[in-house]
N, C-alpha and C. Protein backbone atom coordinates (compact mmCIF):
# COMPACT_ATOMS: atom_id res chain seq x y z
N MET A 1 0.81 -1.25 0.12
CA MET A 1 0.01 0.03 -0.02
C MET A 1 0.70 1.32 0.05
N ALA A 2 0.71 2.30 -0.75
CA ALA A 2 1.36 3.34 -0.98
C ALA A 2 1.10 4.29 0.17
N ASP A 3 2.15 5.11 0.54
CA ASP A 3 1.87 6.13 1.60
C ASP A 3 1.26 7.41 0.96
N ASP A 4 0.13 7.75 1.40
CA ASP A 4 -0.94 8.72 0.96
C ASP A 4 -0.57 10.25 1.27
N ARG A 5 0.03 9.87 2.55
CA ARG A 5 0.45 11.46 3.28
C ARG A 5 1.46 12.29 2.70
N GLU A 6 0.82 13.68 2.70
CA GLU A 6 1.77 14.45 1.78
C GLU A 6 2.93 14.77 3.05
N PRO A 7 3.92 15.52 2.57
CA PRO A 7 5.15 15.87 3.61
C PRO A 7 4.84 17.15 4.30
N VAL A 8 5.07 17.05 5.47
CA VAL A 8 4.55 18.32 6.28
C VAL A 8 5.90 19.11 6.66
N GLU A 9 5.84 20.27 6.33
CA GLU A 9 6.84 21.33 6.77
C GLU A 9 6.82 21.78 8.04
N ARG A 10 8.02 21.67 8.52
CA ARG A 10 7.97 21.99 10.02
C ARG A 10 8.86 23.09 10.33
N THR A 11 8.44 24.06 11.26
CA THR A 11 9.16 25.23 11.55
C THR A 11 9.77 24.91 13.15
N THR A 12 11.06 25.08 13.40
CA THR A 12 11.48 25.09 14.79
C THR A 12 11.87 26.55 15.16
N ILE A 13 11.20 26.92 16.34
CA ILE A 13 11.34 28.10 17.01
C ILE A 13 12.49 28.14 18.01
N VAL A 14 13.47 28.60 18.00
CA VAL A 14 14.40 28.50 19.14
C VAL A 14 14.70 30.01 19.75
N GLU A 15 14.29 29.87 21.08
CA GLU A 15 14.31 31.16 22.01
C GLU A 15 15.72 31.31 22.65
N THR A 16 16.08 32.52 22.34
CA THR A 16 17.57 32.74 22.70
C THR A 16 17.51 33.79 23.91
N GLY A 17 17.25 33.24 25.01
CA GLY A 17 17.71 34.19 26.34
C GLY A 17 16.39 35.01 26.67
N GLY A 18 16.36 35.54 27.69
CA GLY A 18 15.28 36.56 28.06
C GLY A 18 15.28 37.85 27.45
N GLY A 19 16.47 38.23 27.20
CA GLY A 19 16.79 39.69 26.57
C GLY A 19 16.61 40.73 27.52
N GLY A 20 16.78 42.07 27.27
CA GLY A 20 16.54 43.19 28.37
C GLY A 20 17.79 43.30 29.44
N ASN A 21 18.63 42.27 29.39
CA ASN A 21 19.67 42.56 30.41
C ASN A 21 20.95 43.40 30.13
N GLY A 22 20.82 43.74 28.76
CA GLY A 22 21.96 44.58 28.34
C GLY A 22 21.65 46.15 28.88
N GLY A 23 20.38 46.39 29.16
CA GLY A 23 20.12 47.76 29.47
C GLY A 23 20.55 47.90 30.96
N ILE A 24 20.39 46.79 31.85
CA ILE A 24 20.75 46.80 33.34
C ILE A 24 22.46 46.76 33.22
N VAL A 25 23.16 46.00 32.43
CA VAL A 25 24.44 45.89 32.44
C VAL A 25 25.07 47.49 32.12
N ALA A 26 24.39 48.18 31.29
CA ALA A 26 24.88 49.57 30.87
C ALA A 26 24.78 50.43 31.91
N VAL A 27 23.61 50.31 32.62
CA VAL A 27 23.56 51.37 33.77
C VAL A 27 24.34 50.95 34.68
N VAL A 28 24.64 49.73 35.26
CA VAL A 28 25.65 49.48 36.14
C VAL A 28 27.03 49.85 35.59
N VAL A 29 27.41 49.76 34.54
CA VAL A 29 28.87 50.12 34.02
C VAL A 29 28.87 51.66 34.01
N LEU A 30 27.76 52.31 33.62
CA LEU A 30 27.58 53.80 33.69
C LEU A 30 27.87 54.36 35.04
N ILE A 31 27.26 53.88 36.14
CA ILE A 31 27.52 54.18 37.41
C ILE A 31 28.76 54.11 38.05
N ILE A 32 29.64 52.94 37.51
CA ILE A 32 30.97 52.58 38.13
C ILE A 32 31.77 53.66 37.25
N VAL A 33 31.55 53.96 36.22
CA VAL A 33 32.49 54.99 35.62
C VAL A 33 32.34 56.25 36.21
N VAL A 34 31.18 56.68 36.56
CA VAL A 34 30.90 57.88 37.05
C VAL A 34 31.48 57.96 38.44
N LEU A 35 31.41 56.91 39.28
CA LEU A 35 31.84 56.87 40.67
C LEU A 35 33.79 56.85 40.63
N VAL A 36 34.19 56.28 39.51
CA VAL A 36 35.56 56.33 39.22
C VAL A 36 36.21 57.75 39.04
N LEU A 37 35.25 58.29 38.05
CA LEU A 37 35.55 59.78 37.68
C LEU A 37 35.71 60.64 38.84
N LEU A 38 34.78 60.55 39.60
CA LEU A 38 34.45 61.41 40.71
C LEU A 38 35.59 61.12 41.83
N PHE A 39 35.92 59.83 41.94
CA PHE A 39 37.21 59.64 42.79
C PHE A 39 38.34 60.31 42.17
N LEU A 40 38.65 60.24 40.95
CA LEU A 40 39.95 60.71 40.61
C LEU A 40 39.98 62.21 40.37
N PHE A 41 39.00 62.81 40.33
CA PHE A 41 38.82 64.35 40.23
C PHE A 41 38.23 65.01 41.34
N ARG A 42 38.22 64.32 42.64
CA ARG A 42 37.62 64.84 43.75
C ARG A 42 38.24 66.01 44.35
N GLY A 43 39.74 66.27 43.95
CA GLY A 43 40.29 67.42 44.41
C GLY A 43 40.00 68.67 43.71
N GLN A 44 39.59 68.41 42.24
CA GLN A 44 39.36 69.55 41.53
C GLN A 44 37.79 70.06 41.82
N LEU A 45 37.07 69.07 42.00
CA LEU A 45 35.64 69.29 42.43
C LEU A 45 35.32 69.76 43.74
N GLY A 46 36.42 69.99 44.62
CA GLY A 46 36.30 70.24 45.92
C GLY A 46 35.39 69.14 46.94
N LEU A 47 35.71 67.99 46.64
CA LEU A 47 35.00 67.15 47.36
C LEU A 47 35.90 66.13 48.44
N GLY A 48 36.73 67.11 49.07
CA GLY A 48 37.54 66.56 50.07
C GLY A 48 38.84 65.71 49.62
N GLY A 49 39.25 66.25 48.46
CA GLY A 49 40.72 65.73 48.08
C GLY A 49 41.86 66.29 48.94
N ALA A 50 42.89 65.78 48.82
CA ALA A 50 44.09 66.10 49.55
C ALA A 50 44.48 67.46 49.30
N LYS A 51 44.48 68.32 50.37
CA LYS A 51 44.88 69.63 50.26
C LYS A 51 46.40 69.80 50.72
N THR A 52 47.10 69.88 49.72
CA THR A 52 48.61 70.19 50.10
C THR A 52 48.97 71.46 49.84
N SER A 53 49.31 71.98 50.95
CA SER A 53 49.84 73.55 51.09
C SER A 53 50.96 73.64 51.77
N SER A 54 51.97 74.40 51.56
CA SER A 54 53.22 74.74 52.12
C SER A 54 53.25 76.06 52.84
N ILE A 55 53.54 75.69 53.90
CA ILE A 55 53.55 76.79 54.77
C ILE A 55 55.16 77.21 55.10
N SER A 56 55.81 78.47 54.99
CA SER A 56 57.04 78.66 55.16
C SER A 56 57.08 79.29 56.44
N VAL A 57 57.80 78.87 57.17
CA VAL A 57 57.96 79.71 58.65
C VAL A 57 59.55 80.18 58.68
N PRO A 58 59.67 81.47 58.91
CA PRO A 58 61.03 81.94 59.17
C PRO A 58 61.86 81.30 60.13
N ASP A 59 63.24 81.29 60.07
CA ASP A 59 63.99 80.75 61.13
C ASP A 59 64.20 81.77 62.18
N LYS A 60 64.19 83.17 61.83
CA LYS A 60 64.60 84.16 62.61
C LYS A 60 63.61 85.58 62.40
N ILE A 61 63.19 86.11 63.30
CA ILE A 61 62.45 87.37 63.34
C ILE A 61 63.24 88.46 63.81
N ASP A 62 63.49 89.48 63.11
CA ASP A 62 64.16 90.64 63.71
C ASP A 62 63.13 91.61 64.14
N VAL A 63 63.16 91.98 65.58
CA VAL A 63 62.44 93.00 65.98
C VAL A 63 63.20 94.15 66.56
N ASN A 64 62.80 95.37 65.84
CA ASN A 64 63.62 96.56 66.46
C ASN A 64 62.73 97.26 67.26
N VAL A 65 63.00 97.68 68.40
CA VAL A 65 62.31 98.53 69.34
C VAL A 65 62.87 99.65 69.71
N ASN A 66 62.47 100.83 69.19
CA ASN A 66 63.12 102.19 69.43
C ASN A 66 62.27 102.89 70.39
N SER A 67 63.02 103.18 71.66
CA SER A 67 62.14 104.09 72.66
C SER A 67 62.72 105.42 72.56
N HIS A 68 61.85 106.30 72.79
CA HIS A 68 62.10 107.65 72.64
C HIS A 68 62.08 108.50 73.90
């Protein structure tokens, strides 16, 4: 007996991950970059960077007192 069934075309759908995680990763990387830049430039921004100032104190002070 001959096979009377016609060939059936089948389509396979492959789902690749949930997606949407790229935006979360981008936001986290952006926050890290901003924090690193703030840390590096905290002195220029006035955020408590190391204040290095040199104070020169003379070894000797001459005082002349003239009494009249």
